């Protein structure tokens, strides 16, 4: 097996986006604990094992999703003429059998890390919560695989956006927040919605870029169903709504101007809207994928930092 090919199949550039929700939920979760603690010592988010175990678990799910995407599209022939990074199964660098094995190994390792995370977060005193999060872990594995694998792959019927929004946004942010606080503050859904929408914007860019090839391969993404112009308008909606959602969250409990530092991350995102609006050559959107993904990661960092000060 060529290790370099598996590293390419893991698509490392997608990892910062995948952990953005964990960072937001962990920042806000630890800050809540600090606000109600009578102790003078503060919990530092970067020193908590929950954060790092959650990041490792999420990376595992993301790599599994990327392997499954490579495998599913590869055996269906959807990646033969794709734009952007080459896919390993479609190119022959990794055989379908080897990729299947990599998916199984990745699933097992990720599930083990998830079990350690659940134990650290809930110990023996919250068995019900442990079962719930174990079920979420299993659901994440199934969702990652079923995105492009199988006859009923939902990535081929326009439901990929729902998967990304729910798992990258709601589950990631609210789930990690709950691991710290052991309760759900419904205000936390606002930044969770923002992360979910921005993550969906990355997928939408990918689908705008690949629309013509997806039509040829019967991959009915939401952009294929909507058409290019409506797909662009949908993209504007995702970014603007993400911005509005976080602004509402901040002003619900506004204490410092530092809480608005997250707006810096929206400068490149708003520029991206202009780029998408003016785009005539879909292949040129490939460079925008990295910009939006890294801007989402920056948003997560800045939102957390703004609430510390």
C-alpha atoms as a PDB file:
ATOM      1  CA  UNK A   1       0.000   0.000   0.000  1.00  0.00           C
ATOM      2  CA  UNK A   2       1.211   3.485  -0.877  1.00  0.00           C
ATOM      3  CA  UNK A   3       0.923   5.576   2.297  1.00  0.00           C
ATOM      4  CA  UNK A   4       1.105   8.802   0.292  1.00  0.00           C
ATOM      5  CA  UNK A   5      -1.995   7.802  -1.660  1.00  0.00           C
ATOM      6  CA  UNK A   6      -3.960   7.239   1.543  1.00  0.00           C
ATOM      7  CA  UNK A   7      -2.807  10.619   2.865  1.00  0.00           C
ATOM      8  CA  UNK A   8      -4.103  12.195  -0.347  1.00  0.00           C
ATOM      9  CA  UNK A   9      -7.379  10.277   0.006  1.00  0.00           C
ATOM     10  CA  UNK A  10      -7.715  11.593   3.580  1.00  0.00           C
ATOM     11  CA  UNK A  11      -7.826  15.131   2.089  1.00  0.00           C
ATOM     12  CA  UNK A  12      -6.045  16.917   4.909  1.00  0.00           C
ATOM     13  CA  UNK A  13      -7.262  20.316   3.725  1.00  0.00           C
ATOM     14  CA  UNK A  14     -10.776  19.396   4.908  1.00  0.00           C
ATOM     15  CA  UNK A  15      -9.713  18.761   8.511  1.00  0.00           C
ATOM     16  CA  UNK A  16      -9.676  22.374   9.824  1.00  0.00           C
ATOM     17  CA  UNK A  17     -13.295  22.753   8.720  1.00  0.00           C
ATOM     18  CA  UNK A  18     -14.323  19.502  10.411  1.00  0.00           C
ATOM     19  CA  UNK A  19     -13.022  20.580  13.846  1.00  0.00           C
ATOM     20  CA  UNK A  20     -14.490  24.100  13.742  1.00  0.00           C
ATOM     21  CA  UNK A  21     -17.680  23.058  15.498  1.00  0.00           C
ATOM     22  CA  UNK A  22     -15.748  21.262  18.239  1.00  0.00           C
ATOM     23  CA  UNK A  23     -13.689  24.387  18.879  1.00  0.00           C
ATOM     24  CA  UNK A  24     -16.792  26.598  19.140  1.00  0.00           C
ATOM     25  CA  UNK A  25     -18.660  24.202  21.435  1.00  0.00           C
ATOM     26  CA  UNK A  26     -15.625  23.632  23.644  1.00  0.00           C
ATOM     27  CA  UNK A  27     -14.796  27.331  23.970  1.00  0.00           C
ATOM     28  CA  UNK A  28     -18.348  28.243  24.908  1.00  0.00           C
ATOM     29  CA  UNK A  29     -18.770  25.204  27.157  1.00  0.00           C
ATOM     30  CA  UNK A  30     -15.680  25.948  29.231  1.00  0.00           C
ATOM     31  CA  UNK A  31     -16.589  29.622  29.444  1.00  0.00           C
ATOM     32  CA  UNK A  32     -19.989  28.707  30.830  1.00  0.00           C
ATOM     33  CA  UNK A  33     -18.337  26.542  33.492  1.00  0.00           C
ATOM     34  CA  UNK A  34     -15.972  29.394  34.354  1.00  0.00           C
ATOM     35  CA  UNK A  35     -18.894  31.815  34.689  1.00  0.00           C
ATOM     36  CA  UNK A  36     -20.678  29.646  37.287  1.00  0.00           C
ATOM     37  CA  UNK A  37     -17.597  28.434  39.141  1.00  0.00           C
ATOM     38  CA  UNK A  38     -16.842  29.787  42.597  1.00  0.00           C
ATOM     39  CA  UNK A  39     -13.193  28.903  42.148  1.00  0.00           C
ATOM     40  CA  UNK A  40     -10.660  31.573  41.193  1.00  0.00           C
ATOM     41  CA  UNK A  41      -8.878  29.172  38.815  1.00  0.00           C
ATOM     42  CA  UNK A  42     -10.218  29.140  35.277  1.00  0.00           C
ATOM     43  CA  UNK A  43     -10.652  26.174  32.981  1.00  0.00           C
ATOM     44  CA  UNK A  44      -8.427  26.661  29.936  1.00  0.00           C
ATOM     45  CA  UNK A  45     -10.096  25.049  26.936  1.00  0.00           C
ATOM     46  CA  UNK A  46      -6.824  23.947  25.332  1.00  0.00           C
ATOM     47  CA  UNK A  47      -5.873  21.981  28.451  1.00  0.00           C
ATOM     48  CA  UNK A  48      -9.058  19.895  28.577  1.00  0.00           C
ATOM     49  CA  UNK A  49      -8.904  16.250  27.418  1.00  0.00           C
ATOM     50  CA  UNK A  50     -12.472  16.535  26.120  1.00  0.00           C
ATOM     51  CA  UNK A  51     -11.353  19.040  23.484  1.00  0.00           C
ATOM     52  CA  UNK A  52      -8.493  16.918  22.138  1.00  0.00           C
ATOM     53  CA  UNK A  53     -10.399  13.647  22.233  1.00  0.00           C
ATOM     54  CA  UNK A  54     -13.349  15.322  20.485  1.00  0.00           C
ATOM     55  CA  UNK A  55     -11.004  16.737  17.833  1.00  0.00           C
ATOM     56  CA  UNK A  56      -9.433  13.310  17.243  1.00  0.00           C
ATOM     57  CA  UNK A  57     -12.884  11.714  17.009  1.00  0.00           C
ATOM     58  CA  UNK A  58     -14.097  14.326  14.548  1.00  0.00           C
ATOM     59  CA  UNK A  59     -10.959  13.993  12.430  1.00  0.00           C
ATOM     60  CA  UNK A  60     -11.558  10.252  12.360  1.00  0.00           C
ATOM     61  CA  UNK A  61     -15.117  10.744  11.133  1.00  0.00           C
ATOM     62  CA  UNK A  62     -13.927  13.240   8.511  1.00  0.00           C
ATOM     63  CA  UNK A  63     -11.186  10.944   7.199  1.00  0.00           C
ATOM     64  CA  UNK A  64     -13.700   8.081   7.087  1.00  0.00           C
ATOM     65  CA  UNK A  65     -16.094  10.296   5.145  1.00  0.00           C
ATOM     66  CA  UNK A  66     -13.341  11.253   2.703  1.00  0.00           C
ATOM     67  CA  UNK A  67     -12.310   7.609   2.220  1.00  0.00           C
ATOM     68  CA  UNK A  68     -15.951   6.620   1.673  1.00  0.00           C
ATOM     69  CA  UNK A  69     -16.457   9.513  -0.757  1.00  0.00           C
ATOM     70  CA  UNK A  70     -13.364   8.465  -2.706  1.00  0.00           C
ATOM     71  CA  UNK A  71     -14.532   4.843  -2.735  1.00  0.00           C
ATOM     72  CA  UNK A  72     -18.194   5.520  -3.547  1.00  0.00           C
ATOM     73  CA  UNK A  73     -17.535   7.997  -6.360  1.00  0.00           C
ATOM     74  CA  UNK A  74     -14.648   5.880  -7.628  1.00  0.00           C
ATOM     75  CA  UNK A  75     -16.605   2.660  -8.139  1.00  0.00           C
ATOM     76  CA  UNK A  76     -19.526   4.582  -9.652  1.00  0.00           C
ATOM     77  CA  UNK A  77     -17.264   6.394 -12.108  1.00  0.00           C
ATOM     78  CA  UNK A  78     -18.219   9.856 -10.873  1.00  0.00           C
ATOM     79  CA  UNK A  79     -14.591  10.963 -10.465  1.00  0.00           C
ATOM     80  CA  UNK A  80     -13.305  10.122 -13.970  1.00  0.00           C
ATOM     81  CA  UNK A  81     -13.248  13.719 -15.212  1.00  0.00           C
ATOM     82  CA  UNK A  82     -13.478  15.664 -11.977  1.00  0.00           C
ATOM     83  CA  UNK A  83     -11.892  19.082 -11.352  1.00  0.00           C
ATOM     84  CA  UNK A  84      -9.562  19.649  -8.407  1.00  0.00           C
ATOM     85  CA  UNK A  85      -7.680  17.049  -6.403  1.00  0.00           C
ATOM     86  CA  UNK A  86      -7.333  13.614  -8.016  1.00  0.00           C
ATOM     87  CA  UNK A  87      -9.248  10.795  -6.346  1.00  0.00           C
ATOM     88  CA  UNK A  88      -7.286   7.694  -5.448  1.00  0.00           C
ATOM     89  CA  UNK A  89      -9.753   4.922  -6.340  1.00  0.00           C
ATOM     90  CA  UNK A  90     -10.727   6.542  -9.644  1.00  0.00           C
ATOM     91  CA  UNK A  91      -7.063   7.007 -10.591  1.00  0.00           C
ATOM     92  CA  UNK A  92      -6.146   3.424  -9.647  1.00  0.00           C
ATOM     93  CA  UNK A  93      -3.669   4.497  -6.953  1.00  0.00           C
ATOM     94  CA  UNK A  94      -5.765   2.630  -4.366  1.00  0.00           C
ATOM     95  CA  UNK A  95      -7.891  -0.407  -5.197  1.00  0.00           C
ATOM     96  CA  UNK A  96     -11.522  -0.573  -4.039  1.00  0.00           C
ATOM     97  CA  UNK A  97     -10.592  -3.514  -1.774  1.00  0.00           C
ATOM     98  CA  UNK A  98      -7.783  -1.525  -0.134  1.00  0.00           C
ATOM     99  CA  UNK A  99     -10.044   1.477   0.388  1.00  0.00           C
ATOM    100  CA  UNK A 100     -12.719  -0.730   1.950  1.00  0.00           C
ATOM    101  CA  UNK A 101     -10.139  -2.045   4.419  1.00  0.00           C
ATOM    102  CA  UNK A 102      -9.008   1.522   5.197  1.00  0.00           C
ATOM    103  CA  UNK A 103     -12.622   2.486   5.912  1.00  0.00           C
ATOM    104  CA  UNK A 104     -13.061  -0.450   8.313  1.00  0.00           C
ATOM    105  CA  UNK A 105      -9.819   0.312  10.174  1.00  0.00           C
ATOM    106  CA  UNK A 106     -10.633   4.032  10.377  1.00  0.00           C
ATOM    107  CA  UNK A 107     -14.125   3.260  11.705  1.00  0.00           C
ATOM    108  CA  UNK A 108     -12.745   0.987  14.436  1.00  0.00           C
ATOM    109  CA  UNK A 109     -10.037   3.419  15.563  1.00  0.00           C
ATOM    110  CA  UNK A 110     -12.463   6.344  15.581  1.00  0.00           C
ATOM    111  CA  UNK A 111     -15.051   4.405  17.562  1.00  0.00           C
ATOM    112  CA  UNK A 112     -12.435   3.481  20.192  1.00  0.00           C
ATOM    113  CA  UNK A 113     -11.413   7.139  20.563  1.00  0.00           C
ATOM    114  CA  UNK A 114     -15.094   8.104  20.770  1.00  0.00           C
ATOM    115  CA  UNK A 115     -15.617   5.601  23.598  1.00  0.00           C
ATOM    116  CA  UNK A 116     -12.686   7.096  25.523  1.00  0.00           C
ATOM    117  CA  UNK A 117     -14.136  10.579  24.932  1.00  0.00           C
ATOM    118  CA  UNK A 118     -17.547   9.474  26.221  1.00  0.00           C
ATOM    119  CA  UNK A 119     -16.000   7.931  29.345  1.00  0.00           C
ATOM    120  CA  UNK A 120     -13.934  11.049  30.078  1.00  0.00           C
ATOM    121  CA  UNK A 121     -16.931  13.352  29.559  1.00  0.00           C
ATOM    122  CA  UNK A 122     -19.577  11.389  31.452  1.00  0.00           C
ATOM    123  CA  UNK A 123     -17.713   8.796  33.575  1.00  0.00           C
ATOM    124  CA  UNK A 124     -19.992   6.203  35.235  1.00  0.00           C
ATOM    125  CA  UNK A 125     -22.528   8.637  36.624  1.00  0.00           C
ATOM    126  CA  UNK A 126     -24.287   9.553  33.377  1.00  0.00           C
ATOM    127  CA  UNK A 127     -24.942   6.202  31.693  1.00  0.00           C
ATOM    128  CA  UNK A 128     -27.909   7.541  29.737  1.00  0.00           C
ATOM    129  CA  UNK A 129     -25.786  10.326  28.222  1.00  0.00           C
ATOM    130  CA  UNK A 130     -23.073   7.785  27.386  1.00  0.00           C
ATOM    131  CA  UNK A 131     -25.559   5.631  25.469  1.00  0.00           C
ATOM    132  CA  UNK A 132     -26.893   8.676  23.633  1.00  0.00           C
ATOM    133  CA  UNK A 133     -23.451   9.813  22.494  1.00  0.00           C
ATOM    134  CA  UNK A 134     -22.426   6.274  21.571  1.00  0.00           C
ATOM    135  CA  UNK A 135     -25.513   6.150  19.335  1.00  0.00           C
ATOM    136  CA  UNK A 136     -24.486   9.496  17.813  1.00  0.00           C
ATOM    137  CA  UNK A 137     -21.061   8.024  17.102  1.00  0.00           C
ATOM    138  CA  UNK A 138     -22.572   5.038  15.306  1.00  0.00           C
ATOM    139  CA  UNK A 139     -24.902   7.369  13.396  1.00  0.00           C
ATOM    140  CA  UNK A 140     -21.902   9.488  12.351  1.00  0.00           C
ATOM    141  CA  UNK A 141     -20.099   6.442  10.975  1.00  0.00           C
ATOM    142  CA  UNK A 142     -23.157   5.296   9.035  1.00  0.00           C
ATOM    143  CA  UNK A 143     -23.795   8.812   7.699  1.00  0.00           C
ATOM    144  CA  UNK A 144     -20.154   9.214   6.628  1.00  0.00           C
ATOM    145  CA  UNK A 145     -20.257   5.968   4.654  1.00  0.00           C
ATOM    146  CA  UNK A 146     -23.736   6.316   3.162  1.00  0.00           C
ATOM    147  CA  UNK A 147     -22.934   9.747   1.722  1.00  0.00           C
ATOM    148  CA  UNK A 148     -21.711   8.220  -1.556  1.00  0.00           C
ATOM    149  CA  UNK A 149     -21.649   4.449  -0.927  1.00  0.00           C
ATOM    150  CA  UNK A 150     -24.532   2.182  -1.946  1.00  0.00           C
ATOM    151  CA  UNK A 151     -27.554   2.498  -4.205  1.00  0.00           C
ATOM    152  CA  UNK A 152     -29.331   4.803  -1.762  1.00  0.00           C
ATOM    153  CA  UNK A 153     -26.340   7.136  -1.226  1.00  0.00           C
ATOM    154  CA  UNK A 154     -27.916  10.408  -0.106  1.00  0.00           C
ATOM    155  CA  UNK A 155     -25.118  12.505  -1.608  1.00  0.00           C
ATOM    156  CA  UNK A 156     -26.541  11.475  -4.994  1.00  0.00           C
ATOM    157  CA  UNK A 157     -30.051  12.634  -4.180  1.00  0.00           C
ATOM    158  CA  UNK A 158     -29.452  16.154  -2.876  1.00  0.00           C
ATOM    159  CA  UNK A 159     -29.352  15.449   0.853  1.00  0.00           C
ATOM    160  CA  UNK A 160     -25.616  16.015   1.370  1.00  0.00           C
ATOM    161  CA  UNK A 161     -26.298  19.565   2.525  1.00  0.00           C
ATOM    162  CA  UNK A 162     -28.540  18.282   5.323  1.00  0.00           C
ATOM    163  CA  UNK A 163     -25.840  15.855   6.496  1.00  0.00           C
ATOM    164  CA  UNK A 164     -23.169  18.554   6.596  1.00  0.00           C
ATOM    165  CA  UNK A 165     -25.401  21.070   8.362  1.00  0.00           C
ATOM    166  CA  UNK A 166     -26.528  18.601  11.032  1.00  0.00           C
ATOM    167  CA  UNK A 167     -23.244  16.835  11.773  1.00  0.00           C
ATOM    168  CA  UNK A 168     -20.721  19.647  11.174  1.00  0.00           C
ATOM    169  CA  UNK A 169     -22.910  22.243  12.838  1.00  0.00           C
ATOM    170  CA  UNK A 170     -25.593  21.096  15.259  1.00  0.00           C
ATOM    171  CA  UNK A 171     -24.092  17.815  16.470  1.00  0.00           C
ATOM    172  CA  UNK A 172     -20.530  19.141  16.593  1.00  0.00           C
ATOM    173  CA  UNK A 173     -21.194  22.416  18.436  1.00  0.00           C
ATOM    174  CA  UNK A 174     -24.130  21.424  20.649  1.00  0.00           C
ATOM    175  CA  UNK A 175     -22.678  17.980  21.343  1.00  0.00           C
ATOM    176  CA  UNK A 176     -19.270  19.260  22.473  1.00  0.00           C
ATOM    177  CA  UNK A 177     -20.908  22.031  24.532  1.00  0.00           C
ATOM    178  CA  UNK A 178     -23.093  19.420  26.258  1.00  0.00           C
ATOM    179  CA  UNK A 179     -20.066  17.309  27.145  1.00  0.00           C
ATOM    180  CA  UNK A 180     -18.795  20.179  29.287  1.00  0.00           C
ATOM    181  CA  UNK A 181     -22.033  21.534  30.717  1.00  0.00           C
ATOM    182  CA  UNK A 182     -24.316  18.450  30.827  1.00  0.00           C
ATOM    183  CA  UNK A 183     -27.261  20.558  29.675  1.00  0.00           C
ATOM    184  CA  UNK A 184     -28.457  22.312  26.533  1.00  0.00           C
ATOM    185  CA  UNK A 185     -28.608  26.083  26.429  1.00  0.00           C
ATOM    186  CA  UNK A 186     -30.828  26.740  23.425  1.00  0.00           C
ATOM    187  CA  UNK A 187     -28.863  29.888  22.590  1.00  0.00           C
ATOM    188  CA  UNK A 188     -25.959  27.606  21.654  1.00  0.00           C
ATOM    189  CA  UNK A 189     -27.927  26.563  18.568  1.00  0.00           C
ATOM    190  CA  UNK A 190     -27.255  29.993  17.037  1.00  0.00           C
ATOM    191  CA  UNK A 191     -23.455  29.568  16.624  1.00  0.00           C
ATOM    192  CA  UNK A 192     -24.099  25.900  15.809  1.00  0.00           C
ATOM    193  CA  UNK A 193     -26.315  27.033  12.929  1.00  0.00           C
ATOM    194  CA  UNK A 194     -23.550  29.396  11.769  1.00  0.00           C
ATOM    195  CA  UNK A 195     -20.909  26.651  11.688  1.00  0.00           C
ATOM    196  CA  UNK A 196     -23.339  24.305   9.959  1.00  0.00           C
ATOM    197  CA  UNK A 197     -24.238  26.865   7.299  1.00  0.00           C
ATOM    198  CA  UNK A 198     -20.612  27.797   6.600  1.00  0.00           C
ATOM    199  CA  UNK A 199     -19.682  24.122   6.333  1.00  0.00           C
ATOM    200  CA  UNK A 200     -22.584  23.643   3.919  1.00  0.00           C
ATOM    201  CA  UNK A 201     -21.276  26.617   1.917  1.00  0.00           C
ATOM    202  CA  UNK A 202     -18.036  24.687   1.338  1.00  0.00           C
ATOM    203  CA  UNK A 203     -20.014  21.711   0.020  1.00  0.00           C
ATOM    204  CA  UNK A 204     -22.117  24.035  -2.134  1.00  0.00           C
ATOM    205  CA  UNK A 205     -18.986  25.523  -3.707  1.00  0.00           C
ATOM    206  CA  UNK A 206     -17.808  22.001  -4.464  1.00  0.00           C
ATOM    207  CA  UNK A 207     -21.170  21.237  -6.090  1.00  0.00           C
ATOM    208  CA  UNK A 208     -21.168  24.471  -8.096  1.00  0.00           C
ATOM    209  CA  UNK A 209     -17.725  23.566  -9.400  1.00  0.00           C
ATOM    210  CA  UNK A 210     -18.696  19.978 -10.292  1.00  0.00           C
ATOM    211  CA  UNK A 211     -22.249  20.573 -11.531  1.00  0.00           C
ATOM    212  CA  UNK A 212     -21.658  19.620 -15.174  1.00  0.00           C
ATOM    213  CA  UNK A 213     -19.859  16.376 -14.317  1.00  0.00           C
ATOM    214  CA  UNK A 214     -22.410  15.550 -11.634  1.00  0.00           C
ATOM    215  CA  UNK A 215     -25.207  15.828 -14.217  1.00  0.00           C
ATOM    216  CA  UNK A 216     -23.357  13.387 -16.485  1.00  0.00           C
ATOM    217  CA  UNK A 217     -22.932  10.931 -13.600  1.00  0.00           C
ATOM    218  CA  UNK A 218     -26.519  11.178 -12.297  1.00  0.00           C
ATOM    219  CA  UNK A 219     -25.292  12.753  -9.061  1.00  0.00           C
ATOM    220  CA  UNK A 220     -28.282  14.915  -8.205  1.00  0.00           C
ATOM    221  CA  UNK A 221     -26.776  17.366  -5.757  1.00  0.00           C
ATOM    222  CA  UNK A 222     -28.851  20.310  -4.616  1.00  0.00           C
ATOM    223  CA  UNK A 223     -27.032  22.536  -7.127  1.00  0.00           C
ATOM    224  CA  UNK A 224     -27.927  20.113  -9.932  1.00  0.00           C
ATOM    225  CA  UNK A 225     -31.566  20.339  -8.856  1.00  0.00           C
ATOM    226  CA  UNK A 226     -31.556  24.122  -8.408  1.00  0.00           C
ATOM    227  CA  UNK A 227     -29.398  25.136 -11.340  1.00  0.00           C
ATOM    228  CA  UNK A 228     -26.311  27.364 -11.259  1.00  0.00           C
ATOM    229  CA  UNK A 229     -27.984  30.729 -10.648  1.00  0.00           C
ATOM    230  CA  UNK A 230     -30.220  29.494  -7.846  1.00  0.00           C
ATOM    231  CA  UNK A 231     -27.249  27.563  -6.479  1.00  0.00           C
ATOM    232  CA  UNK A 232     -25.350  30.839  -6.256  1.00  0.00           C
ATOM    233  CA  UNK A 233     -28.239  32.549  -4.474  1.00  0.00           C
ATOM    234  CA  UNK A 234     -28.378  29.609  -2.074  1.00  0.00           C
ATOM    235  CA  UNK A 235     -24.665  30.173  -1.420  1.00  0.00           C
ATOM    236  CA  UNK A 236     -25.239  33.838  -0.547  1.00  0.00           C
ATOM    237  CA  UNK A 237     -28.037  32.780   1.809  1.00  0.00           C
ATOM    238  CA  UNK A 238     -25.768  30.314   3.630  1.00  0.00           C
ATOM    239  CA  UNK A 239     -23.043  32.877   4.361  1.00  0.00           C
ATOM    240  CA  UNK A 240     -25.297  35.832   5.185  1.00  0.00           C
ATOM    241  CA  UNK A 241     -27.526  33.748   7.463  1.00  0.00           C
ATOM    242  CA  UNK A 242     -24.451  32.382   9.249  1.00  0.00           C
ATOM    243  CA  UNK A 243     -23.333  35.961   9.899  1.00  0.00           C
ATOM    244  CA  UNK A 244     -26.761  37.067  11.165  1.00  0.00           C
ATOM    245  CA  UNK A 245     -27.131  34.016  13.407  1.00  0.00           C
ATOM    246  CA  UNK A 246     -23.873  34.713  15.248  1.00  0.00           C
ATOM    247  CA  UNK A 247     -24.591  38.437  15.552  1.00  0.00           C
ATOM    248  CA  UNK A 248     -27.887  37.569  17.261  1.00  0.00           C
ATOM    249  CA  UNK A 249     -26.086  35.144  19.580  1.00  0.00           C
ATOM    250  CA  UNK A 250     -23.476  37.728  20.578  1.00  0.00           C
ATOM    251  CA  UNK A 251     -25.993  40.487  21.290  1.00  0.00           C
ATOM    252  CA  UNK A 252     -28.189  38.213  23.410  1.00  0.00           C
ATOM    253  CA  UNK A 253     -25.429  38.395  26.028  1.00  0.00           C
ATOM    254  CA  UNK A 254     -23.253  41.291  24.932  1.00  0.00           C
ATOM    255  CA  UNK A 255     -20.626  42.292  27.503  1.00  0.00           C
ATOM    256  CA  UNK A 256     -17.583  43.352  25.498  1.00  0.00           C
ATOM    257  CA  UNK A 257     -16.665  44.671  22.073  1.00  0.00           C
ATOM    258  CA  UNK A 258     -14.155  41.810  21.867  1.00  0.00           C
ATOM    259  CA  UNK A 259     -17.096  39.490  21.209  1.00  0.00           C
ATOM    260  CA  UNK A 260     -17.352  41.066  17.751  1.00  0.00           C
ATOM    261  CA  UNK A 261     -13.834  40.021  16.717  1.00  0.00           C
ATOM    262  CA  UNK A 262     -15.365  37.077  14.826  1.00  0.00           C
ATOM    263  CA  UNK A 263     -16.461  39.592  12.159  1.00  0.00           C
ATOM    264  CA  UNK A 264     -12.875  39.573  10.852  1.00  0.00           C
ATOM    265  CA  UNK A 265     -13.450  36.030   9.565  1.00  0.00           C
ATOM    266  CA  UNK A 266     -16.399  37.235   7.488  1.00  0.00           C
ATOM    267  CA  UNK A 267     -14.282  39.650   5.439  1.00  0.00           C
ATOM    268  CA  UNK A 268     -12.989  36.869   3.122  1.00  0.00           C
ATOM    269  CA  UNK A 269     -16.403  35.175   3.259  1.00  0.00           C
ATOM    270  CA  UNK A 270     -18.172  38.278   1.966  1.00  0.00           C
ATOM    271  CA  UNK A 271     -15.482  38.606  -0.718  1.00  0.00           C
ATOM    272  CA  UNK A 272     -16.260  35.000  -1.629  1.00  0.00           C
ATOM    273  CA  UNK A 273     -19.875  35.977  -2.316  1.00  0.00           C
ATOM    274  CA  UNK A 274     -18.654  38.533  -4.853  1.00  0.00           C
ATOM    275  CA  UNK A 275     -16.338  35.957  -6.453  1.00  0.00           C
ATOM    276  CA  UNK A 276     -19.142  33.415  -6.767  1.00  0.00           C
ATOM    277  CA  UNK A 277     -21.501  36.025  -8.201  1.00  0.00           C
ATOM    278  CA  UNK A 278     -18.996  36.964 -10.915  1.00  0.00           C
ATOM    279  CA  UNK A 279     -17.867  33.411 -11.693  1.00  0.00           C
ATOM    280  CA  UNK A 280     -18.326  32.155 -15.247  1.00  0.00           C
ATOM    281  CA  UNK A 281     -15.877  29.219 -15.205  1.00  0.00           C
ATOM    282  CA  UNK A 282     -16.898  26.674 -12.523  1.00  0.00           C
ATOM    283  CA  UNK A 283     -13.396  25.140 -12.315  1.00  0.00           C
ATOM    284  CA  UNK A 284     -12.090  28.458 -10.959  1.00  0.00           C
ATOM    285  CA  UNK A 285     -14.159  27.964  -7.809  1.00  0.00           C
ATOM    286  CA  UNK A 286     -11.752  25.255  -6.657  1.00  0.00           C
ATOM    287  CA  UNK A 287      -9.453  27.792  -4.968  1.00  0.00           C
ATOM    288  CA  UNK A 288     -12.429  29.252  -3.112  1.00  0.00           C
ATOM    289  CA  UNK A 289     -13.044  25.960  -1.275  1.00  0.00           C
ATOM    290  CA  UNK A 290      -9.909  26.339   0.821  1.00  0.00           C
ATOM    291  CA  UNK A 291     -10.624  30.028   1.504  1.00  0.00           C
ATOM    292  CA  UNK A 292     -14.119  29.359   2.860  1.00  0.00           C
ATOM    293  CA  UNK A 293     -12.988  26.319   4.875  1.00  0.00           C
ATOM    294  CA  UNK A 294     -10.109  28.225   6.516  1.00  0.00           C
ATOM    295  CA  UNK A 295     -12.338  31.259   7.108  1.00  0.00           C
ATOM    296  CA  UNK A 296     -14.775  28.999   8.964  1.00  0.00           C
ATOM    297  CA  UNK A 297     -11.907  27.672  11.086  1.00  0.00           C
ATOM    298  CA  UNK A 298     -10.787  31.262  11.777  1.00  0.00           C
ATOM    299  CA  UNK A 299     -14.378  32.147  12.695  1.00  0.00           C
ATOM    300  CA  UNK A 300     -14.418  29.337  15.281  1.00  0.00           C
ATOM    301  CA  UNK A 301     -11.154  30.499  16.860  1.00  0.00           C
ATOM    302  CA  UNK A 302     -12.121  34.185  16.945  1.00  0.00           C
ATOM    303  CA  UNK A 303     -15.614  33.537  18.313  1.00  0.00           C
ATOM    304  CA  UNK A 304     -14.093  31.603  21.196  1.00  0.00           C
ATOM    305  CA  UNK A 305     -11.371  34.152  21.896  1.00  0.00           C
ATOM    306  CA  UNK A 306     -13.911  36.980  21.829  1.00  0.00           C
ATOM    307  CA  UNK A 307     -15.905  35.325  24.607  1.00  0.00           C
ATOM    308  CA  UNK A 308     -12.816  34.804  26.797  1.00  0.00           C
ATOM    309  CA  UNK A 309     -12.131  38.534  26.915  1.00  0.00           C
END
